[in-house]
Amino acid sequence: MRALESFSDEDFRQTMLRALRLLAIVSVVGVAFLWWKMGWQSAALLAVGAVISASGLWEWMRLMTAVMARMDEGGAAKPMAMVLLGFFIRLAATIVLLYVSLKVLNGSVYALAAGLALGVFALTVEGLRLVKAWTV
């Protein structure tokens, strides 16, 4: 058991990368299952949701890393304009991707919602792993 005070930026990064890896594995299995059961349109919607979810986790990791670096360095930190610009570009691309996928693909909307929920699932699993490994 490790103390919470020793939780570092690298531990946060590794946790997020493990969550992304878990999301990718569950997505591949889910896409294969939905393709077999409900057709390629629903599988594609699940994949779209998973890609949006993964990009959100990736962007959140970048944003939190930049904020933590800024807090560690104080006033001498690099500007966060590029990270924030990337965040808002990803947000706009997400809206466009959701609209286009719902308009073009005639699959199950629940598959899209499941793909979007995979990020929450992966973070929950990693959070439970952290609770198991770290003491408060």
N, C-alpha and C. Protein backbone atom coordinates (compact mmCIF):
# COMPACT_ATOMS: atom_id res chain seq x y z
N MET A 1 0.83 -1.18 0.00
CA MET A 1 0.00 0.00 0.00
C MET A 1 0.88 1.25 0.00
N ARG A 2 0.51 2.20 -0.83
CA ARG A 2 1.27 3.44 -0.92
C ARG A 2 0.43 4.58 -0.37
N ALA A 3 1.07 5.61 0.07
CA ALA A 3 0.36 6.78 0.61
C ALA A 3 -0.07 7.69 -0.53
N LEU A 4 -1.18 8.36 -0.33
CA LEU A 4 -1.73 9.24 -1.36
C LEU A 4 -0.80 10.42 -1.65
N GLU A 5 0.01 10.82 -0.67
CA GLU A 5 0.92 11.94 -0.87
C GLU A 5 1.96 11.65 -1.94
N SER A 6 2.23 10.39 -2.19
CA SER A 6 3.25 10.05 -3.19
C SER A 6 2.65 9.87 -4.60
N PHE A 7 1.37 10.14 -4.76
CA PHE A 7 0.73 10.06 -6.08
C PHE A 7 1.28 11.19 -6.94
N SER A 8 1.91 10.84 -8.05
CA SER A 8 2.60 11.83 -8.87
C SER A 8 1.87 12.07 -10.19
N ASP A 9 2.38 13.02 -10.94
CA ASP A 9 1.85 13.32 -12.27
C ASP A 9 2.01 12.11 -13.19
N GLU A 10 3.10 11.40 -13.04
CA GLU A 10 3.34 10.20 -13.86
C GLU A 10 2.33 9.10 -13.51
N ASP A 11 1.96 8.98 -12.25
CA ASP A 11 0.93 8.01 -11.86
C ASP A 11 -0.40 8.35 -12.51
N PHE A 12 -0.74 9.64 -12.54
CA PHE A 12 -1.96 10.09 -13.20
C PHE A 12 -1.92 9.75 -14.69
N ARG A 13 -0.79 10.03 -15.32
CA ARG A 13 -0.64 9.75 -16.76
C ARG A 13 -0.78 8.26 -17.04
N GLN A 14 -0.14 7.43 -16.22
CA GLN A 14 -0.23 5.97 -16.41
C GLN A 14 -1.66 5.47 -16.20
N THR A 15 -2.36 6.04 -15.24
CA THR A 15 -3.76 5.67 -15.01
C THR A 15 -4.62 6.00 -16.22
N MET A 16 -4.42 7.18 -16.79
CA MET A 16 -5.20 7.57 -17.96
C MET A 16 -4.85 6.70 -19.17
N LEU A 17 -3.58 6.36 -19.33
CA LEU A 17 -3.19 5.50 -20.45
C LEU A 17 -3.77 4.09 -20.29
N ARG A 18 -3.82 3.58 -19.05
CA ARG A 18 -4.45 2.27 -18.83
C ARG A 18 -5.95 2.33 -19.12
N ALA A 19 -6.59 3.45 -18.77
CA ALA A 19 -8.01 3.61 -19.07
C ALA A 19 -8.23 3.64 -20.58
N LEU A 20 -7.36 4.31 -21.31
CA LEU A 20 -7.48 4.34 -22.78
C LEU A 20 -7.27 2.95 -23.38
N ARG A 21 -6.31 2.21 -22.83
CA ARG A 21 -6.07 0.85 -23.32
C ARG A 21 -7.29 -0.04 -23.05
N LEU A 22 -7.86 0.07 -21.87
CA LEU A 22 -9.06 -0.71 -21.54
C LEU A 22 -10.21 -0.34 -22.45
N LEU A 23 -10.37 0.95 -22.70
CA LEU A 23 -11.43 1.41 -23.60
C LEU A 23 -11.25 0.83 -25.00
N ALA A 24 -10.03 0.78 -25.48
CA ALA A 24 -9.77 0.23 -26.82
C ALA A 24 -10.10 -1.26 -26.88
N ILE A 25 -9.71 -2.00 -25.85
CA ILE A 25 -9.98 -3.44 -25.84
C ILE A 25 -11.48 -3.72 -25.79
N VAL A 26 -12.18 -3.03 -24.90
CA VAL A 26 -13.63 -3.25 -24.79
C VAL A 26 -14.33 -2.80 -26.07
N SER A 27 -13.82 -1.75 -26.70
CA SER A 27 -14.43 -1.27 -27.95
C SER A 27 -14.30 -2.29 -29.07
N VAL A 28 -13.12 -2.88 -29.21
CA VAL A 28 -12.92 -3.88 -30.27
C VAL A 28 -13.84 -5.07 -30.05
N VAL A 29 -13.94 -5.54 -28.83
CA VAL A 29 -14.83 -6.67 -28.53
C VAL A 29 -16.29 -6.28 -28.77
N GLY A 30 -16.66 -5.07 -28.33
CA GLY A 30 -18.04 -4.61 -28.52
C GLY A 30 -18.41 -4.42 -29.98
N VAL A 31 -17.49 -3.87 -30.76
CA VAL A 31 -17.76 -3.67 -32.19
C VAL A 31 -17.95 -5.03 -32.88
N ALA A 32 -17.09 -5.98 -32.56
CA ALA A 32 -17.22 -7.31 -33.17
C ALA A 32 -18.55 -7.96 -32.79
N PHE A 33 -18.91 -7.83 -31.53
CA PHE A 33 -20.18 -8.42 -31.08
C PHE A 33 -21.38 -7.74 -31.74
N LEU A 34 -21.39 -6.42 -31.77
CA LEU A 34 -22.52 -5.70 -32.38
C LEU A 34 -22.60 -5.94 -33.89
N TRP A 35 -21.47 -6.06 -34.55
CA TRP A 35 -21.48 -6.34 -35.98
C TRP A 35 -22.14 -7.68 -36.23
N TRP A 36 -21.83 -8.64 -35.39
CA TRP A 36 -22.40 -9.98 -35.53
C TRP A 36 -23.89 -9.98 -35.21
N LYS A 37 -24.30 -9.26 -34.16
CA LYS A 37 -25.69 -9.29 -33.70
C LYS A 37 -26.61 -8.30 -34.41
N MET A 38 -26.12 -7.05 -34.64
CA MET A 38 -27.02 -5.99 -35.08
C MET A 38 -26.65 -5.36 -36.42
N GLY A 39 -25.52 -5.75 -36.99
CA GLY A 39 -25.14 -5.19 -38.28
C GLY A 39 -24.04 -4.15 -38.16
N TRP A 40 -23.50 -3.79 -39.31
CA TRP A 40 -22.35 -2.90 -39.32
C TRP A 40 -22.69 -1.47 -38.91
N GLN A 41 -23.94 -1.02 -39.13
CA GLN A 41 -24.30 0.35 -38.76
C GLN A 41 -24.21 0.56 -37.26
N SER A 42 -24.75 -0.37 -36.49
CA SER A 42 -24.68 -0.26 -35.02
C SER A 42 -23.24 -0.40 -34.54
N ALA A 43 -22.49 -1.29 -35.16
CA ALA A 43 -21.08 -1.44 -34.79
C ALA A 43 -20.31 -0.15 -35.08
N ALA A 44 -20.63 0.48 -36.20
CA ALA A 44 -19.97 1.74 -36.53
C ALA A 44 -20.35 2.84 -35.54
N LEU A 45 -21.61 2.86 -35.11
CA LEU A 45 -22.01 3.85 -34.12
C LEU A 45 -21.30 3.63 -32.78
N LEU A 46 -21.13 2.36 -32.39
CA LEU A 46 -20.38 2.07 -31.17
C LEU A 46 -18.93 2.54 -31.33
N ALA A 47 -18.35 2.30 -32.49
CA ALA A 47 -16.97 2.74 -32.74
C ALA A 47 -16.86 4.26 -32.71
N VAL A 48 -17.84 4.95 -33.27
CA VAL A 48 -17.84 6.42 -33.24
C VAL A 48 -17.91 6.91 -31.79
N GLY A 49 -18.80 6.32 -31.01
CA GLY A 49 -18.91 6.71 -29.60
C GLY A 49 -17.62 6.43 -28.84
N ALA A 50 -17.00 5.29 -29.13
CA ALA A 50 -15.75 4.95 -28.45
C ALA A 50 -14.62 5.90 -28.85
N VAL A 51 -14.56 6.28 -30.11
CA VAL A 51 -13.53 7.23 -30.57
C VAL A 51 -13.74 8.59 -29.91
N ILE A 52 -14.98 9.03 -29.81
CA ILE A 52 -15.27 10.30 -29.15
C ILE A 52 -14.88 10.22 -27.67
N SER A 53 -15.22 9.12 -27.05
CA SER A 53 -14.90 8.92 -25.64
C SER A 53 -13.38 8.89 -25.42
N ALA A 54 -12.68 8.16 -26.27
CA ALA A 54 -11.22 8.08 -26.15
C ALA A 54 -10.57 9.44 -26.40
N SER A 55 -11.07 10.17 -27.37
CA SER A 55 -10.48 11.49 -27.63
C SER A 55 -10.75 12.44 -26.45
N GLY A 56 -11.89 12.28 -25.81
CA GLY A 56 -12.17 13.08 -24.62
C GLY A 56 -11.22 12.76 -23.48
N LEU A 57 -10.96 11.47 -23.27
CA LEU A 57 -10.00 11.08 -22.23
C LEU A 57 -8.60 11.59 -22.55
N TRP A 58 -8.21 11.47 -23.81
CA TRP A 58 -6.88 11.93 -24.22
C TRP A 58 -6.74 13.44 -24.02
N GLU A 59 -7.77 14.18 -24.42
CA GLU A 59 -7.73 15.63 -24.29
C GLU A 59 -7.76 16.04 -22.82
N TRP A 60 -8.50 15.32 -22.01
CA TRP A 60 -8.54 15.60 -20.58
C TRP A 60 -7.17 15.36 -19.95
N MET A 61 -6.50 14.29 -20.39
CA MET A 61 -5.17 14.01 -19.88
C MET A 61 -4.20 15.14 -20.27
N ARG A 62 -4.27 15.60 -21.50
CA ARG A 62 -3.41 16.70 -21.95
C ARG A 62 -3.70 17.98 -21.17
N LEU A 63 -4.98 18.26 -20.97
CA LEU A 63 -5.36 19.48 -20.25
C LEU A 63 -4.90 19.42 -18.80
N MET A 64 -5.11 18.29 -18.14
CA MET A 64 -4.70 18.17 -16.74
C MET A 64 -3.18 18.18 -16.60
N THR A 65 -2.47 17.59 -17.55
CA THR A 65 -1.01 17.62 -17.51
C THR A 65 -0.51 19.06 -17.64
N ALA A 66 -1.12 19.84 -18.52
CA ALA A 66 -0.73 21.24 -18.70
C ALA A 66 -1.05 22.06 -17.45
N VAL A 67 -2.20 21.80 -16.84
CA VAL A 67 -2.57 22.53 -15.63
C VAL A 67 -1.63 22.18 -14.48
N MET A 68 -1.32 20.89 -14.33
CA MET A 68 -0.41 20.48 -13.26
C MET A 68 0.99 21.05 -13.47
N ALA A 69 1.46 21.08 -14.72
CA ALA A 69 2.77 21.67 -15.00
C ALA A 69 2.76 23.16 -14.68
N ARG A 70 1.67 23.81 -15.01
CA ARG A 70 1.55 25.25 -14.72
C ARG A 70 1.54 25.50 -13.22
N MET A 71 0.88 24.64 -12.47
CA MET A 71 0.85 24.80 -11.01
C MET A 71 2.23 24.54 -10.42
N ASP A 72 2.95 23.57 -10.96
CA ASP A 72 4.28 23.25 -10.44
C ASP A 72 5.29 24.35 -10.74
N GLU A 73 5.18 24.96 -11.92
CA GLU A 73 6.17 25.96 -12.34
C GLU A 73 5.81 27.37 -11.87
N GLY A 74 4.59 27.59 -11.49
CA GLY A 74 4.18 28.93 -11.06
C GLY A 74 3.98 29.86 -12.24
N GLY A 75 4.45 31.10 -12.12
CA GLY A 75 4.24 32.11 -13.16
C GLY A 75 5.12 31.91 -14.38
N ALA A 76 6.14 31.06 -14.31
CA ALA A 76 7.06 30.88 -15.43
C ALA A 76 6.60 29.78 -16.40
N ALA A 77 5.38 29.32 -16.27
CA ALA A 77 4.90 28.21 -17.10
C ALA A 77 4.59 28.69 -18.52
N LYS A 78 4.57 27.73 -19.44
CA LYS A 78 4.24 28.02 -20.83
C LYS A 78 2.75 28.35 -20.93
N PRO A 79 2.37 29.15 -21.92
CA PRO A 79 0.95 29.46 -22.11
C PRO A 79 0.16 28.20 -22.48
N MET A 80 -1.08 28.18 -22.08
CA MET A 80 -1.94 27.02 -22.34
C MET A 80 -2.81 27.20 -23.57
N ALA A 81 -2.52 28.18 -24.38
CA ALA A 81 -3.38 28.49 -25.52
C ALA A 81 -3.52 27.31 -26.48
N MET A 82 -2.44 26.62 -26.78
CA MET A 82 -2.50 25.50 -27.74
C MET A 82 -3.32 24.34 -27.18
N VAL A 83 -3.18 24.07 -25.89
CA VAL A 83 -3.95 22.99 -25.28
C VAL A 83 -5.43 23.33 -25.29
N LEU A 84 -5.76 24.57 -24.93
CA LEU A 84 -7.16 24.99 -24.94
C LEU A 84 -7.73 25.04 -26.36
N LEU A 85 -6.93 25.47 -27.32
CA LEU A 85 -7.37 25.47 -28.71
C LEU A 85 -7.66 24.06 -29.18
N GLY A 86 -6.78 23.11 -28.85
CA GLY A 86 -7.02 21.71 -29.19
C GLY A 86 -8.28 21.18 -28.54
N PHE A 87 -8.54 21.58 -27.30
CA PHE A 87 -9.74 21.16 -26.59
C PHE A 87 -11.00 21.62 -27.33
N PHE A 88 -11.03 22.89 -27.71
CA PHE A 88 -12.22 23.42 -28.37
C PHE A 88 -12.37 22.90 -29.80
N ILE A 89 -11.26 22.64 -30.48
CA ILE A 89 -11.35 22.03 -31.82
C ILE A 89 -11.90 20.61 -31.70
N ARG A 90 -11.43 19.85 -30.70
CA ARG A 90 -11.94 18.50 -30.49
C ARG A 90 -13.43 18.53 -30.14
N LEU A 91 -13.83 19.50 -29.36
CA LEU A 91 -15.24 19.63 -29.00
C LEU A 91 -16.10 19.90 -30.23
N ALA A 92 -15.65 20.79 -31.10
CA ALA A 92 -16.38 21.08 -32.34
C ALA A 92 -16.41 19.86 -33.25
N ALA A 93 -15.29 19.15 -33.36
CA ALA A 93 -15.24 17.95 -34.19
C ALA A 93 -16.16 16.86 -33.63
N THR A 94 -16.27 16.78 -32.33
CA THR A 94 -17.18 15.82 -31.70
C THR A 94 -18.62 16.11 -32.07
N ILE A 95 -19.01 17.36 -32.03
CA ILE A 95 -20.38 17.73 -32.39
C ILE A 95 -20.66 17.38 -33.84
N VAL A 96 -19.73 17.69 -34.73
CA VAL A 96 -19.90 17.38 -36.15
C VAL A 96 -19.97 15.87 -36.35
N LEU A 97 -19.08 15.12 -35.70
CA LEU A 97 -19.06 13.67 -35.83
C LEU A 97 -20.35 13.03 -35.32
N LEU A 98 -20.85 13.52 -34.20
CA LEU A 98 -22.14 13.00 -33.69
C LEU A 98 -23.27 13.28 -34.66
N TYR A 99 -23.34 14.49 -35.18
CA TYR A 99 -24.41 14.84 -36.11
C TYR A 99 -24.35 14.00 -37.38
N VAL A 100 -23.16 13.90 -37.96
CA VAL A 100 -23.01 13.16 -39.21
C VAL A 100 -23.28 11.68 -39.00
N SER A 101 -22.79 11.11 -37.93
CA SER A 101 -22.99 9.68 -37.71
C SER A 101 -24.46 9.36 -37.46
N LEU A 102 -25.15 10.22 -36.74
CA LEU A 102 -26.59 9.97 -36.52
C LEU A 102 -27.40 10.18 -37.79
N LYS A 103 -26.96 11.10 -38.63
CA LYS A 103 -27.68 11.38 -39.88
C LYS A 103 -27.44 10.29 -40.93
N VAL A 104 -26.20 9.78 -41.01
CA VAL A 104 -25.83 8.86 -42.09
C VAL A 104 -26.06 7.40 -41.71
N LEU A 105 -25.65 7.02 -40.53
CA LEU A 105 -25.77 5.62 -40.11
C LEU A 105 -27.15 5.36 -39.52
N ASN A 106 -27.75 4.30 -39.92
CA ASN A 106 -29.09 3.96 -39.43
C ASN A 106 -29.04 2.84 -38.41
N GLY A 107 -28.05 2.89 -37.55
CA GLY A 107 -27.90 1.86 -36.52
C GLY A 107 -28.62 2.27 -35.25
N SER A 108 -28.36 1.53 -34.21
CA SER A 108 -28.98 1.77 -32.92
C SER A 108 -28.32 2.96 -32.22
N VAL A 109 -29.14 3.87 -31.75
CA VAL A 109 -28.65 5.01 -30.99
C VAL A 109 -28.08 4.53 -29.67
N TYR A 110 -28.59 3.42 -29.17
CA TYR A 110 -28.07 2.86 -27.92
C TYR A 110 -26.63 2.39 -28.07
N ALA A 111 -26.26 1.97 -29.26
CA ALA A 111 -24.87 1.58 -29.51
C ALA A 111 -23.96 2.81 -29.41
N LEU A 112 -24.42 3.94 -29.93
CA LEU A 112 -23.66 5.18 -29.82
C LEU A 112 -23.53 5.60 -28.36
N ALA A 113 -24.62 5.50 -27.63
CA ALA A 113 -24.60 5.85 -26.20
C ALA A 113 -23.66 4.91 -25.43
N ALA A 114 -23.66 3.64 -25.79
CA ALA A 114 -22.76 2.68 -25.14
C ALA A 114 -21.31 3.02 -25.44
N GLY A 115 -21.02 3.42 -26.66
CA GLY A 115 -19.67 3.83 -27.01
C GLY A 115 -19.22 5.05 -26.23
N LEU A 116 -20.14 6.00 -26.05
CA LEU A 116 -19.82 7.18 -25.26
C LEU A 116 -19.62 6.84 -23.79
N ALA A 117 -20.35 5.84 -23.31
CA ALA A 117 -20.25 5.44 -21.90
C ALA A 117 -19.00 4.61 -21.61
N LEU A 118 -18.35 4.12 -22.64
CA LEU A 118 -17.15 3.30 -22.41
C LEU A 118 -16.04 4.07 -21.71
N GLY A 119 -15.94 5.36 -21.95
CA GLY A 119 -14.95 6.17 -21.26
C GLY A 119 -15.21 6.23 -19.77
N VAL A 120 -16.47 6.39 -19.41
CA VAL A 120 -16.84 6.40 -17.99
C VAL A 120 -16.56 5.04 -17.37
N PHE A 121 -16.86 3.98 -18.09
CA PHE A 121 -16.59 2.63 -17.60
C PHE A 121 -15.09 2.43 -17.36
N ALA A 122 -14.27 2.83 -18.32
CA ALA A 122 -12.82 2.64 -18.20
C ALA A 122 -12.27 3.46 -17.03
N LEU A 123 -12.75 4.69 -16.87
CA LEU A 123 -12.29 5.50 -15.74
C LEU A 123 -12.74 4.92 -14.41
N THR A 124 -13.94 4.35 -14.37
CA THR A 124 -14.42 3.73 -13.14
C THR A 124 -13.57 2.53 -12.76
N VAL A 125 -13.23 1.70 -13.73
CA VAL A 125 -12.38 0.54 -13.46
C VAL A 125 -11.02 1.00 -12.95
N GLU A 126 -10.44 1.99 -13.60
CA GLU A 126 -9.14 2.49 -13.16
C GLU A 126 -9.23 3.17 -11.79
N GLY A 127 -10.33 3.84 -11.52
CA GLY A 127 -10.54 4.42 -10.20
C GLY A 127 -10.61 3.37 -9.11
N LEU A 128 -11.30 2.27 -9.40
CA LEU A 128 -11.36 1.17 -8.44
C LEU A 128 -9.99 0.54 -8.24
N ARG A 129 -9.21 0.45 -9.29
CA ARG A 129 -7.84 -0.05 -9.14
C ARG A 129 -6.99 0.86 -8.27
N LEU A 130 -7.20 2.18 -8.42
CA LEU A 130 -6.48 3.12 -7.58
C LEU A 130 -6.89 3.02 -6.13
N VAL A 131 -8.17 2.84 -5.88
CA VAL A 131 -8.65 2.69 -4.50
C VAL A 131 -8.04 1.46 -3.88
N LYS A 132 -7.91 0.41 -4.65
CA LYS A 132 -7.31 -0.82 -4.15
C LYS A 132 -5.82 -0.65 -3.85
N ALA A 133 -5.12 0.13 -4.67
CA ALA A 133 -3.67 0.24 -4.54
C ALA A 133 -3.22 1.36 -3.60
N TRP A 134 -4.01 2.40 -3.43
CA TRP A 134 -3.57 3.56 -2.65
C TRP A 134 -4.43 3.69 -1.41
N THR A 135 -3.86 4.19 -0.36
CA THR A 135 -4.62 4.45 0.86
C THR A 135 -4.93 5.92 0.95
N VAL A 136 -5.96 6.26 1.66
CA VAL A 136 -6.35 7.65 1.82
C VAL A 136 -5.94 8.13 3.19
